[in-house]
Structures are given as C-alpha cells and as structure tokens.
Amino acid sequence: MDTKIHLFIATSIDGYIADKNGGIDFLNSVPNPEHKDLGYNAFIEKMDAIVMGRSTFETVLGFDIQWPYQLPVFVLSTSMSKIPIELIGKVEIVNGNPAEITKQMNERGFSNIYIDGGSTIQRFLKEDRVDEMTISTIPVILGGGIALFGELSHPLDFEMVSSEVYLDAITQVTYRRKRS
C-alpha cells in the first residue's frame, strides 16, 4: 500500500494562505450565506488521517469551537510535549522529516493523508512528497503574508485533474503530481 499525500487549502490570488499578521479572515471575504462546504466534505471523506503543523493546530484550537475533525490528527512538532487532555485519543504528536512521517503513516495503515499548514506543506513539497493538491483561490490580493509555496531545488510537474467555481467567485483546482 502506498501512502498518498493530499492538501486542500485556500490562498489569495497572490498565493498567501494567511495575511501579514497570520490572520485568515480573508477566507470569509466571499459571502456564503448557505454555508456551502466548497468541496471539503467530499475531500475529507477520502482521507484516513490528517498531519498538520503545530501553528495550524494552535490556530484550530483558537477557533473556540468543538474539535472539528473525526479523523486521527497528527501534529508535526518538535517543541510540543503534550496535547490538551480533551484531545487525547484524537490527536498525537509526531516528528520527523516528510519521508519518515509518510513511512510512519504507511506502517499504521493510513493510505490517504491530508496535510495542512504552510510550513508542513512546504516541507512535503520540498521533498516531493505531495501527490495531489486542491487549491481554492479567494479573489483578494493580500500583498504579503504566509506564502503557500516556498523555494524548491527543482520544478515539480503537476497535471490538472479538475476545476470548479464556487459561489460565483472562488476557483478551486485539483492537481495531481506527474511522476515519471
């Protein structure tokens, strides 16, 4: 069984996943009165587990909502030593490079992993570990902030699998890694 790495994320037109202050309010700049999920539920139903960075984990905890994930969540961190008591059994701390994390997930029987968080995504891309990306573009230019993509040692070729427009404003494109 091969473990596949997926991401599902939104960016500004200029490629930022958070503004200069780390804020993500721009994600709500397009009115969504019916609270449509923009394809997230169909995506998450195909996933076995989530690997997210510590900053993303802390952001989710700051939403002041019930824990939103039904899947096992693995927080990638070298600085955290414990998780909140109410999340024991739902969240684990892991560390290692993307190859090691992928191997750990594979050994545990997880075949489709959703990764989340800017640094985590950049690390997995840098090691060419991302198999599929679903990117929603919000029609706003932030002019700076936390970039989705970082520097790579060589280009990574992807092919478009699908595209969709949500709320007459948000373009969502899914890309699959082309491997030789």
N, C-alpha and C. Protein backbone atom coordinates (compact mmCIF):
# COMPACT_ATOMS: atom_id res chain seq x y z
N MET A 1 0.84 -1.18 0.00
CA MET A 1 0.00 0.00 0.00
C MET A 1 0.88 1.24 0.00
N ASP A 2 0.64 2.12 -0.93
CA ASP A 2 1.36 3.39 -0.97
C ASP A 2 0.53 4.46 -0.26
N THR A 3 1.19 5.22 0.56
CA THR A 3 0.52 6.33 1.22
C THR A 3 0.59 7.53 0.30
N LYS A 4 -0.56 8.15 0.04
CA LYS A 4 -0.65 9.33 -0.82
C LYS A 4 -0.85 10.56 0.07
N ILE A 5 -0.17 11.62 -0.30
CA ILE A 5 -0.24 12.87 0.45
C ILE A 5 -1.06 13.88 -0.35
N HIS A 6 -2.06 14.46 0.32
CA HIS A 6 -3.00 15.40 -0.31
C HIS A 6 -3.02 16.70 0.47
N LEU A 7 -3.34 17.78 -0.22
CA LEU A 7 -3.62 19.01 0.51
C LEU A 7 -4.88 19.64 -0.05
N PHE A 8 -5.56 20.35 0.82
CA PHE A 8 -6.80 21.06 0.49
C PHE A 8 -6.67 22.39 1.20
N ILE A 9 -6.48 23.45 0.43
CA ILE A 9 -6.15 24.73 1.07
C ILE A 9 -6.66 25.88 0.21
N ALA A 10 -6.83 27.03 0.83
CA ALA A 10 -7.24 28.24 0.11
C ALA A 10 -6.11 29.26 0.16
N THR A 11 -6.00 30.03 -0.92
CA THR A 11 -5.00 31.09 -1.00
C THR A 11 -5.65 32.35 -1.53
N SER A 12 -4.94 33.43 -1.34
CA SER A 12 -5.31 34.68 -2.01
C SER A 12 -4.85 34.56 -3.47
N ILE A 13 -5.25 35.50 -4.30
CA ILE A 13 -4.82 35.49 -5.70
C ILE A 13 -3.29 35.49 -5.77
N ASP A 14 -2.64 36.20 -4.86
CA ASP A 14 -1.19 36.29 -4.89
C ASP A 14 -0.49 35.19 -4.08
N GLY A 15 -1.23 34.14 -3.74
CA GLY A 15 -0.60 32.93 -3.22
C GLY A 15 -0.34 32.87 -1.73
N TYR A 16 -1.04 33.68 -0.94
CA TYR A 16 -0.84 33.65 0.51
C TYR A 16 -1.96 32.89 1.21
N ILE A 17 -1.60 32.12 2.23
CA ILE A 17 -2.59 31.36 3.00
C ILE A 17 -2.96 32.06 4.29
N ALA A 18 -2.25 33.12 4.61
CA ALA A 18 -2.56 33.97 5.77
C ALA A 18 -2.00 35.36 5.48
N ASP A 19 -2.56 36.37 6.13
CA ASP A 19 -2.08 37.73 5.89
C ASP A 19 -0.80 38.01 6.67
N LYS A 20 -0.33 39.25 6.64
CA LYS A 20 0.95 39.62 7.26
C LYS A 20 0.95 39.39 8.76
N ASN A 21 -0.23 39.35 9.37
CA ASN A 21 -0.33 39.12 10.82
C ASN A 21 -0.70 37.68 11.14
N GLY A 22 -0.69 36.82 10.12
CA GLY A 22 -1.06 35.42 10.33
C GLY A 22 -2.57 35.20 10.32
N GLY A 23 -3.33 36.25 10.02
CA GLY A 23 -4.79 36.16 10.02
C GLY A 23 -5.33 35.48 8.77
N ILE A 24 -6.49 34.86 8.94
CA ILE A 24 -7.13 34.17 7.82
C ILE A 24 -8.55 34.68 7.55
N ASP A 25 -8.84 35.89 8.02
CA ASP A 25 -10.18 36.46 7.82
C ASP A 25 -10.53 36.59 6.34
N PHE A 26 -9.52 36.74 5.48
CA PHE A 26 -9.80 36.88 4.04
C PHE A 26 -10.54 35.66 3.48
N LEU A 27 -10.43 34.52 4.17
CA LEU A 27 -11.13 33.31 3.71
C LEU A 27 -12.64 33.49 3.71
N ASN A 28 -13.12 34.43 4.51
CA ASN A 28 -14.55 34.70 4.61
C ASN A 28 -14.97 35.94 3.83
N SER A 29 -14.12 36.40 2.91
CA SER A 29 -14.42 37.64 2.18
C SER A 29 -15.50 37.45 1.11
N VAL A 30 -15.76 36.21 0.71
CA VAL A 30 -16.84 35.92 -0.24
C VAL A 30 -18.05 35.46 0.56
N PRO A 31 -19.17 36.16 0.43
CA PRO A 31 -20.36 35.75 1.20
C PRO A 31 -20.77 34.30 0.90
N ASN A 32 -21.09 33.58 1.95
CA ASN A 32 -21.51 32.18 1.83
C ASN A 32 -22.68 31.95 2.80
N PRO A 33 -23.82 32.61 2.51
CA PRO A 33 -24.95 32.56 3.45
C PRO A 33 -25.50 31.16 3.70
N GLU A 34 -25.32 30.26 2.74
CA GLU A 34 -25.83 28.90 2.92
C GLU A 34 -24.77 27.97 3.52
N HIS A 35 -23.60 28.52 3.85
CA HIS A 35 -22.51 27.76 4.47
C HIS A 35 -22.13 26.52 3.66
N LYS A 36 -22.00 26.70 2.35
CA LYS A 36 -21.58 25.59 1.49
C LYS A 36 -20.16 25.19 1.85
N ASP A 37 -19.86 23.92 1.77
CA ASP A 37 -18.55 23.41 2.21
C ASP A 37 -17.46 23.52 1.14
N LEU A 38 -17.80 23.94 -0.05
CA LEU A 38 -16.85 24.17 -1.15
C LEU A 38 -16.00 22.94 -1.45
N GLY A 39 -16.62 21.79 -1.36
CA GLY A 39 -15.94 20.55 -1.72
C GLY A 39 -15.17 19.88 -0.60
N TYR A 40 -15.12 20.50 0.57
CA TYR A 40 -14.32 19.95 1.67
C TYR A 40 -14.83 18.60 2.14
N ASN A 41 -16.14 18.46 2.29
CA ASN A 41 -16.68 17.19 2.81
C ASN A 41 -16.37 16.01 1.88
N ALA A 42 -16.50 16.22 0.58
CA ALA A 42 -16.17 15.15 -0.37
C ALA A 42 -14.68 14.82 -0.30
N PHE A 43 -13.85 15.84 -0.12
CA PHE A 43 -12.41 15.62 0.01
C PHE A 43 -12.09 14.83 1.28
N ILE A 44 -12.59 15.29 2.41
CA ILE A 44 -12.20 14.70 3.70
C ILE A 44 -12.71 13.26 3.83
N GLU A 45 -13.81 12.93 3.16
CA GLU A 45 -14.33 11.56 3.20
C GLU A 45 -13.34 10.56 2.61
N LYS A 46 -12.44 11.01 1.76
CA LYS A 46 -11.46 10.13 1.11
C LYS A 46 -10.17 9.99 1.93
N MET A 47 -10.04 10.79 3.00
CA MET A 47 -8.81 10.81 3.78
C MET A 47 -8.89 9.84 4.97
N ASP A 48 -7.72 9.33 5.38
CA ASP A 48 -7.62 8.42 6.53
C ASP A 48 -7.11 9.11 7.78
N ALA A 49 -6.31 10.16 7.62
CA ALA A 49 -5.70 10.87 8.74
C ALA A 49 -5.27 12.24 8.27
N ILE A 50 -4.97 13.10 9.26
CA ILE A 50 -4.52 14.47 8.99
C ILE A 50 -3.18 14.67 9.68
N VAL A 51 -2.24 15.25 8.95
CA VAL A 51 -0.97 15.69 9.54
C VAL A 51 -0.94 17.20 9.40
N MET A 52 -0.83 17.89 10.51
CA MET A 52 -0.78 19.35 10.48
C MET A 52 0.38 19.86 11.32
N GLY A 53 0.82 21.03 10.98
CA GLY A 53 1.88 21.67 11.75
C GLY A 53 1.35 22.19 13.07
N ARG A 54 2.28 22.47 13.97
CA ARG A 54 1.92 22.96 15.31
C ARG A 54 1.17 24.29 15.23
N SER A 55 1.62 25.21 14.37
CA SER A 55 0.94 26.51 14.26
C SER A 55 -0.50 26.35 13.79
N THR A 56 -0.71 25.47 12.83
CA THR A 56 -2.07 25.22 12.34
C THR A 56 -2.92 24.61 13.45
N PHE A 57 -2.35 23.66 14.19
CA PHE A 57 -3.05 23.05 15.33
C PHE A 57 -3.47 24.13 16.33
N GLU A 58 -2.54 25.03 16.67
CA GLU A 58 -2.85 26.10 17.62
C GLU A 58 -3.90 27.05 17.08
N THR A 59 -3.88 27.29 15.76
CA THR A 59 -4.91 28.13 15.14
C THR A 59 -6.28 27.48 15.28
N VAL A 60 -6.37 26.17 15.00
CA VAL A 60 -7.64 25.45 15.12
C VAL A 60 -8.13 25.50 16.57
N LEU A 61 -7.24 25.30 17.52
CA LEU A 61 -7.63 25.37 18.94
C LEU A 61 -8.17 26.75 19.29
N GLY A 62 -7.67 27.79 18.63
CA GLY A 62 -8.10 29.16 18.91
C GLY A 62 -9.45 29.53 18.32
N PHE A 63 -10.04 28.65 17.51
CA PHE A 63 -11.34 28.94 16.91
C PHE A 63 -12.47 28.91 17.92
N ASP A 64 -12.24 28.39 19.11
CA ASP A 64 -13.26 28.32 20.17
C ASP A 64 -14.51 27.58 19.69
N ILE A 65 -14.26 26.41 19.07
CA ILE A 65 -15.33 25.53 18.62
C ILE A 65 -15.01 24.12 19.11
N GLN A 66 -15.96 23.21 18.98
CA GLN A 66 -15.66 21.81 19.27
C GLN A 66 -14.62 21.32 18.28
N TRP A 67 -13.84 20.31 18.69
CA TRP A 67 -12.82 19.74 17.81
C TRP A 67 -13.48 19.35 16.50
N PRO A 68 -13.04 19.90 15.36
CA PRO A 68 -13.78 19.71 14.10
C PRO A 68 -13.45 18.44 13.31
N TYR A 69 -12.49 17.63 13.76
CA TYR A 69 -12.04 16.50 12.96
C TYR A 69 -12.51 15.17 13.53
N GLN A 70 -12.98 14.31 12.63
CA GLN A 70 -13.36 12.95 13.00
C GLN A 70 -12.20 11.98 12.77
N LEU A 71 -11.27 12.38 11.92
CA LEU A 71 -10.12 11.54 11.59
C LEU A 71 -9.03 11.69 12.64
N PRO A 72 -8.13 10.71 12.75
CA PRO A 72 -6.97 10.89 13.61
C PRO A 72 -6.13 12.06 13.11
N VAL A 73 -5.67 12.89 14.04
CA VAL A 73 -4.85 14.06 13.70
C VAL A 73 -3.47 13.88 14.32
N PHE A 74 -2.45 14.12 13.50
CA PHE A 74 -1.06 14.03 13.93
C PHE A 74 -0.46 15.42 13.81
N VAL A 75 0.01 15.96 14.92
CA VAL A 75 0.60 17.30 14.93
C VAL A 75 2.10 17.16 14.81
N LEU A 76 2.63 17.76 13.78
CA LEU A 76 4.06 17.70 13.49
C LEU A 76 4.75 18.79 14.32
N SER A 77 5.50 18.36 15.35
CA SER A 77 6.13 19.33 16.22
C SER A 77 7.33 18.72 16.94
N THR A 78 8.34 19.54 17.11
CA THR A 78 9.48 19.14 17.94
C THR A 78 9.45 19.86 19.28
N SER A 79 8.57 20.85 19.41
CA SER A 79 8.54 21.65 20.64
C SER A 79 7.38 21.31 21.57
N MET A 80 6.33 20.68 21.07
CA MET A 80 5.20 20.31 21.93
C MET A 80 5.51 19.01 22.66
N SER A 81 5.11 18.97 23.92
CA SER A 81 5.33 17.73 24.67
C SER A 81 4.03 17.07 25.08
N LYS A 82 2.93 17.82 25.04
CA LYS A 82 1.64 17.23 25.39
C LYS A 82 0.53 17.95 24.64
N ILE A 83 -0.60 17.26 24.57
CA ILE A 83 -1.77 17.81 23.92
C ILE A 83 -2.85 18.04 24.97
N PRO A 84 -3.83 18.89 24.69
CA PRO A 84 -4.90 19.10 25.66
C PRO A 84 -5.59 17.77 26.01
N ILE A 85 -5.92 17.61 27.27
CA ILE A 85 -6.47 16.35 27.77
C ILE A 85 -7.72 15.92 27.02
N GLU A 86 -8.55 16.88 26.60
CA GLU A 86 -9.79 16.54 25.88
C GLU A 86 -9.53 15.99 24.48
N LEU A 87 -8.30 16.11 23.99
CA LEU A 87 -7.97 15.62 22.65
C LEU A 87 -7.16 14.33 22.67
N ILE A 88 -6.91 13.79 23.85
CA ILE A 88 -6.20 12.51 23.94
C ILE A 88 -7.05 11.44 23.25
N GLY A 89 -6.41 10.66 22.40
CA GLY A 89 -7.11 9.66 21.60
C GLY A 89 -7.56 10.19 20.25
N LYS A 90 -7.51 11.51 20.08
CA LYS A 90 -7.88 12.13 18.81
C LYS A 90 -6.67 12.76 18.12
N VAL A 91 -5.69 13.16 18.91
CA VAL A 91 -4.52 13.87 18.42
C VAL A 91 -3.26 13.24 18.99
N GLU A 92 -2.24 13.11 18.15
CA GLU A 92 -0.93 12.64 18.59
C GLU A 92 0.13 13.61 18.09
N ILE A 93 1.22 13.70 18.82
CA ILE A 93 2.36 14.49 18.37
C ILE A 93 3.33 13.56 17.65
N VAL A 94 3.79 13.99 16.48
CA VAL A 94 4.79 13.23 15.72
C VAL A 94 5.89 14.19 15.31
N ASN A 95 7.04 13.63 15.00
CA ASN A 95 8.08 14.46 14.41
C ASN A 95 8.90 13.62 13.45
N GLY A 96 9.67 14.31 12.65
CA GLY A 96 10.46 13.65 11.63
C GLY A 96 10.34 14.41 10.33
N ASN A 97 11.11 13.99 9.36
CA ASN A 97 11.02 14.64 8.05
C ASN A 97 9.84 14.03 7.28
N PRO A 98 9.45 14.63 6.16
CA PRO A 98 8.30 14.12 5.42
C PRO A 98 8.41 12.64 5.03
N ALA A 99 9.60 12.18 4.67
CA ALA A 99 9.75 10.75 4.33
C ALA A 99 9.46 9.87 5.54
N GLU A 100 9.97 10.27 6.70
CA GLU A 100 9.73 9.50 7.93
C GLU A 100 8.26 9.52 8.33
N ILE A 101 7.64 10.69 8.21
CA ILE A 101 6.21 10.80 8.56
C ILE A 101 5.38 9.94 7.61
N THR A 102 5.67 10.01 6.32
CA THR A 102 4.94 9.20 5.34
C THR A 102 5.10 7.72 5.67
N LYS A 103 6.30 7.30 6.00
CA LYS A 103 6.57 5.90 6.35
C LYS A 103 5.78 5.50 7.61
N GLN A 104 5.79 6.38 8.62
CA GLN A 104 5.02 6.10 9.85
C GLN A 104 3.53 5.93 9.55
N MET A 105 3.00 6.81 8.72
CA MET A 105 1.57 6.76 8.37
C MET A 105 1.28 5.46 7.61
N ASN A 106 2.16 5.10 6.69
CA ASN A 106 2.00 3.88 5.91
C ASN A 106 2.01 2.66 6.83
N GLU A 107 2.96 2.63 7.76
CA GLU A 107 3.07 1.49 8.69
C GLU A 107 1.84 1.36 9.57
N ARG A 108 1.16 2.48 9.81
CA ARG A 108 -0.05 2.46 10.63
C ARG A 108 -1.31 2.19 9.81
N GLY A 109 -1.13 1.98 8.51
CA GLY A 109 -2.26 1.61 7.65
C GLY A 109 -3.01 2.77 7.03
N PHE A 110 -2.46 3.97 7.11
CA PHE A 110 -3.11 5.14 6.52
C PHE A 110 -2.63 5.29 5.07
N SER A 111 -3.57 5.33 4.14
CA SER A 111 -3.18 5.41 2.72
C SER A 111 -3.43 6.78 2.10
N ASN A 112 -4.30 7.59 2.67
CA ASN A 112 -4.57 8.93 2.15
C ASN A 112 -4.46 9.93 3.29
N ILE A 113 -3.40 10.73 3.25
CA ILE A 113 -3.11 11.67 4.31
C ILE A 113 -3.35 13.09 3.82
N TYR A 114 -4.10 13.84 4.60
CA TYR A 114 -4.35 15.25 4.34
C TYR A 114 -3.32 16.03 5.16
N ILE A 115 -2.49 16.82 4.50
CA ILE A 115 -1.54 17.66 5.22
C ILE A 115 -2.04 19.09 5.23
N ASP A 116 -1.77 19.80 6.33
CA ASP A 116 -2.26 21.16 6.46
C ASP A 116 -1.22 21.99 7.20
N GLY A 117 -1.12 23.24 6.80
CA GLY A 117 -0.20 24.18 7.43
C GLY A 117 0.90 24.58 6.47
N GLY A 118 1.18 25.86 6.41
CA GLY A 118 2.14 26.38 5.44
C GLY A 118 3.51 25.72 5.49
N SER A 119 4.13 25.67 6.65
CA SER A 119 5.47 25.07 6.76
C SER A 119 5.44 23.59 6.44
N THR A 120 4.40 22.92 6.91
CA THR A 120 4.27 21.48 6.65
C THR A 120 4.14 21.22 5.15
N ILE A 121 3.29 21.97 4.49
CA ILE A 121 3.11 21.81 3.04
C ILE A 121 4.42 22.09 2.31
N GLN A 122 5.10 23.17 2.69
CA GLN A 122 6.36 23.50 2.02
C GLN A 122 7.41 22.40 2.22
N ARG A 123 7.47 21.84 3.43
CA ARG A 123 8.44 20.76 3.69
C ARG A 123 8.13 19.53 2.84
N PHE A 124 6.85 19.17 2.76
CA PHE A 124 6.47 17.99 1.97
C PHE A 124 6.71 18.23 0.48
N LEU A 125 6.45 19.44 0.00
CA LEU A 125 6.73 19.76 -1.41
C LEU A 125 8.24 19.74 -1.68
N LYS A 126 9.01 20.27 -0.76
CA LYS A 126 10.47 20.32 -0.95
C LYS A 126 11.05 18.92 -1.10
N GLU A 127 10.43 17.94 -0.40
CA GLU A 127 10.89 16.55 -0.52
C GLU A 127 10.08 15.76 -1.55
N ASP A 128 9.30 16.47 -2.36
CA ASP A 128 8.49 15.86 -3.42
C ASP A 128 7.60 14.74 -2.88
N ARG A 129 6.89 15.02 -1.80
CA ARG A 129 6.01 14.05 -1.16
C ARG A 129 4.53 14.32 -1.40
N VAL A 130 4.18 15.38 -2.10
CA VAL A 130 2.77 15.72 -2.32
C VAL A 130 2.29 15.06 -3.60
N ASP A 131 1.19 14.30 -3.50
CA ASP A 131 0.64 13.60 -4.66
C ASP A 131 -0.52 14.35 -5.30
N GLU A 132 -1.27 15.10 -4.49
CA GLU A 132 -2.43 15.81 -5.04
C GLU A 132 -2.68 17.07 -4.23
N MET A 133 -3.02 18.15 -4.95
CA MET A 133 -3.29 19.44 -4.30
C MET A 133 -4.64 19.97 -4.78
N THR A 134 -5.48 20.34 -3.83
CA THR A 134 -6.71 21.05 -4.15
C THR A 134 -6.55 22.44 -3.58
N ILE A 135 -6.53 23.43 -4.48
CA ILE A 135 -6.27 24.81 -4.09
C ILE A 135 -7.45 25.68 -4.49
N SER A 136 -8.03 26.34 -3.51
CA SER A 136 -9.12 27.29 -3.76
C SER A 136 -8.55 28.69 -3.73
N THR A 137 -8.83 29.47 -4.77
CA THR A 137 -8.31 30.83 -4.84
C THR A 137 -9.41 31.82 -4.49
N ILE A 138 -9.17 32.57 -3.42
CA ILE A 138 -10.10 33.60 -2.96
C ILE A 138 -9.75 34.89 -3.71
N PRO A 139 -10.75 35.59 -4.27
CA PRO A 139 -10.45 36.77 -5.09
C PRO A 139 -10.06 38.00 -4.27
N VAL A 140 -8.90 37.92 -3.66
CA VAL A 140 -8.35 39.04 -2.91
C VAL A 140 -6.83 38.99 -3.05
N ILE A 141 -6.21 40.15 -3.10
CA ILE A 141 -4.74 40.23 -3.12
C ILE A 141 -4.32 40.76 -1.76
N LEU A 142 -3.51 39.98 -1.05
CA LEU A 142 -3.09 40.36 0.30
C LEU A 142 -1.81 41.20 0.29
N GLY A 143 -0.98 41.04 -0.72
CA GLY A 143 0.23 41.83 -0.80
C GLY A 143 1.34 41.40 0.15
N GLY A 144 1.19 40.25 0.75
CA GLY A 144 2.19 39.73 1.68
C GLY A 144 1.53 38.84 2.70
N GLY A 145 2.34 38.10 3.42
CA GLY A 145 1.81 37.20 4.44
C GLY A 145 2.55 35.89 4.43
N ILE A 146 1.84 34.83 4.74
CA ILE A 146 2.42 33.48 4.74
C ILE A 146 2.13 32.85 3.39
N ALA A 147 3.19 32.58 2.64
CA ALA A 147 3.06 32.04 1.28
C ALA A 147 2.74 30.55 1.32
N LEU A 148 1.94 30.10 0.37
CA LEU A 148 1.67 28.67 0.25
C LEU A 148 2.93 27.95 -0.20
N PHE A 149 3.62 28.48 -1.19
CA PHE A 149 4.77 27.80 -1.77
C PHE A 149 6.07 28.45 -1.35
N GLY A 150 7.09 27.63 -1.21
CA GLY A 150 8.43 28.11 -0.89
C GLY A 150 9.39 27.71 -1.99
N GLU A 151 10.66 27.91 -1.73
CA GLU A 151 11.68 27.56 -2.72
C GLU A 151 11.83 26.05 -2.84
N LEU A 152 12.10 25.62 -4.06
CA LEU A 152 12.34 24.21 -4.36
C LEU A 152 13.67 24.08 -5.07
N SER A 153 14.29 22.92 -4.97
CA SER A 153 15.56 22.70 -5.66
C SER A 153 15.35 22.45 -7.15
N HIS A 154 14.15 22.02 -7.53
CA HIS A 154 13.82 21.79 -8.94
C HIS A 154 12.30 21.87 -9.11
N PRO A 155 11.84 22.15 -10.31
CA PRO A 155 10.39 22.24 -10.54
C PRO A 155 9.69 20.90 -10.30
N LEU A 156 8.45 20.97 -9.87
CA LEU A 156 7.60 19.79 -9.70
C LEU A 156 6.45 19.92 -10.69
N ASP A 157 6.29 18.95 -11.57
CA ASP A 157 5.23 18.99 -12.58
C ASP A 157 3.95 18.37 -12.04
N PHE A 158 2.85 19.07 -12.23
CA PHE A 158 1.52 18.60 -11.85
C PHE A 158 0.62 18.69 -13.07
N GLU A 159 -0.45 17.89 -13.06
CA GLU A 159 -1.46 17.99 -14.11
C GLU A 159 -2.79 18.33 -13.45
N MET A 160 -3.59 19.14 -14.14
CA MET A 160 -4.89 19.50 -13.60
C MET A 160 -5.83 18.30 -13.73
N VAL A 161 -6.52 17.99 -12.64
CA VAL A 161 -7.48 16.89 -12.62
C VAL A 161 -8.89 17.44 -12.77
N SER A 162 -9.15 18.56 -12.10
CA SER A 162 -10.50 19.14 -12.16
C SER A 162 -10.44 20.60 -11.75
N SER A 163 -11.49 21.33 -12.12
CA SER A 163 -11.64 22.71 -11.66
C SER A 163 -13.12 22.97 -11.44
N GLU A 164 -13.38 23.84 -10.51
CA GLU A 164 -14.75 24.14 -10.10
C GLU A 164 -14.80 25.60 -9.66
N VAL A 165 -15.94 26.24 -9.85
CA VAL A 165 -16.15 27.59 -9.35
C VAL A 165 -17.25 27.52 -8.30
N TYR A 166 -16.96 28.07 -7.13
CA TYR A 166 -17.91 28.09 -6.02
C TYR A 166 -18.33 29.53 -5.74
N LEU A 167 -19.58 29.70 -5.41
CA LEU A 167 -20.14 30.99 -5.00
C LEU A 167 -19.89 32.07 -6.05
N ASP A 168 -19.77 31.66 -7.32
CA ASP A 168 -19.51 32.58 -8.43
C ASP A 168 -18.29 33.46 -8.20
N ALA A 169 -17.34 32.97 -7.36
CA ALA A 169 -16.19 33.81 -7.05
C ALA A 169 -14.91 33.03 -6.76
N ILE A 170 -15.03 31.85 -6.19
CA ILE A 170 -13.86 31.09 -5.75
C ILE A 170 -13.56 29.99 -6.75
N THR A 171 -12.34 30.02 -7.27
CA THR A 171 -11.91 28.99 -8.22
C THR A 171 -11.16 27.91 -7.45
N GLN A 172 -11.57 26.67 -7.64
CA GLN A 172 -10.91 25.55 -6.97
C GLN A 172 -10.36 24.60 -8.03
N VAL A 173 -9.07 24.35 -7.97
CA VAL A 173 -8.41 23.49 -8.94
C VAL A 173 -7.72 22.36 -8.20
N THR A 174 -7.87 21.14 -8.71
CA THR A 174 -7.17 19.98 -8.16
C THR A 174 -6.09 19.56 -9.16
N TYR A 175 -4.89 19.39 -8.63
CA TYR A 175 -3.73 18.99 -9.43
C TYR A 175 -3.18 17.67 -8.90
N ARG A 176 -2.70 16.84 -9.80
CA ARG A 176 -2.05 15.57 -9.42
C ARG A 176 -0.61 15.62 -9.89
N ARG A 177 0.28 15.14 -9.05
CA ARG A 177 1.72 15.12 -9.36
C ARG A 177 1.99 14.18 -10.52
N LYS A 178 2.69 14.68 -11.51
CA LYS A 178 3.13 13.86 -12.65
C LYS A 178 4.47 13.27 -12.28
N ARG A 179 4.54 11.95 -12.22
CA ARG A 179 5.79 11.28 -11.88
C ARG A 179 6.21 10.41 -13.05
N SER A 180 7.52 10.38 -13.32
CA SER A 180 8.00 9.60 -14.46
C SER A 180 8.22 8.15 -14.09
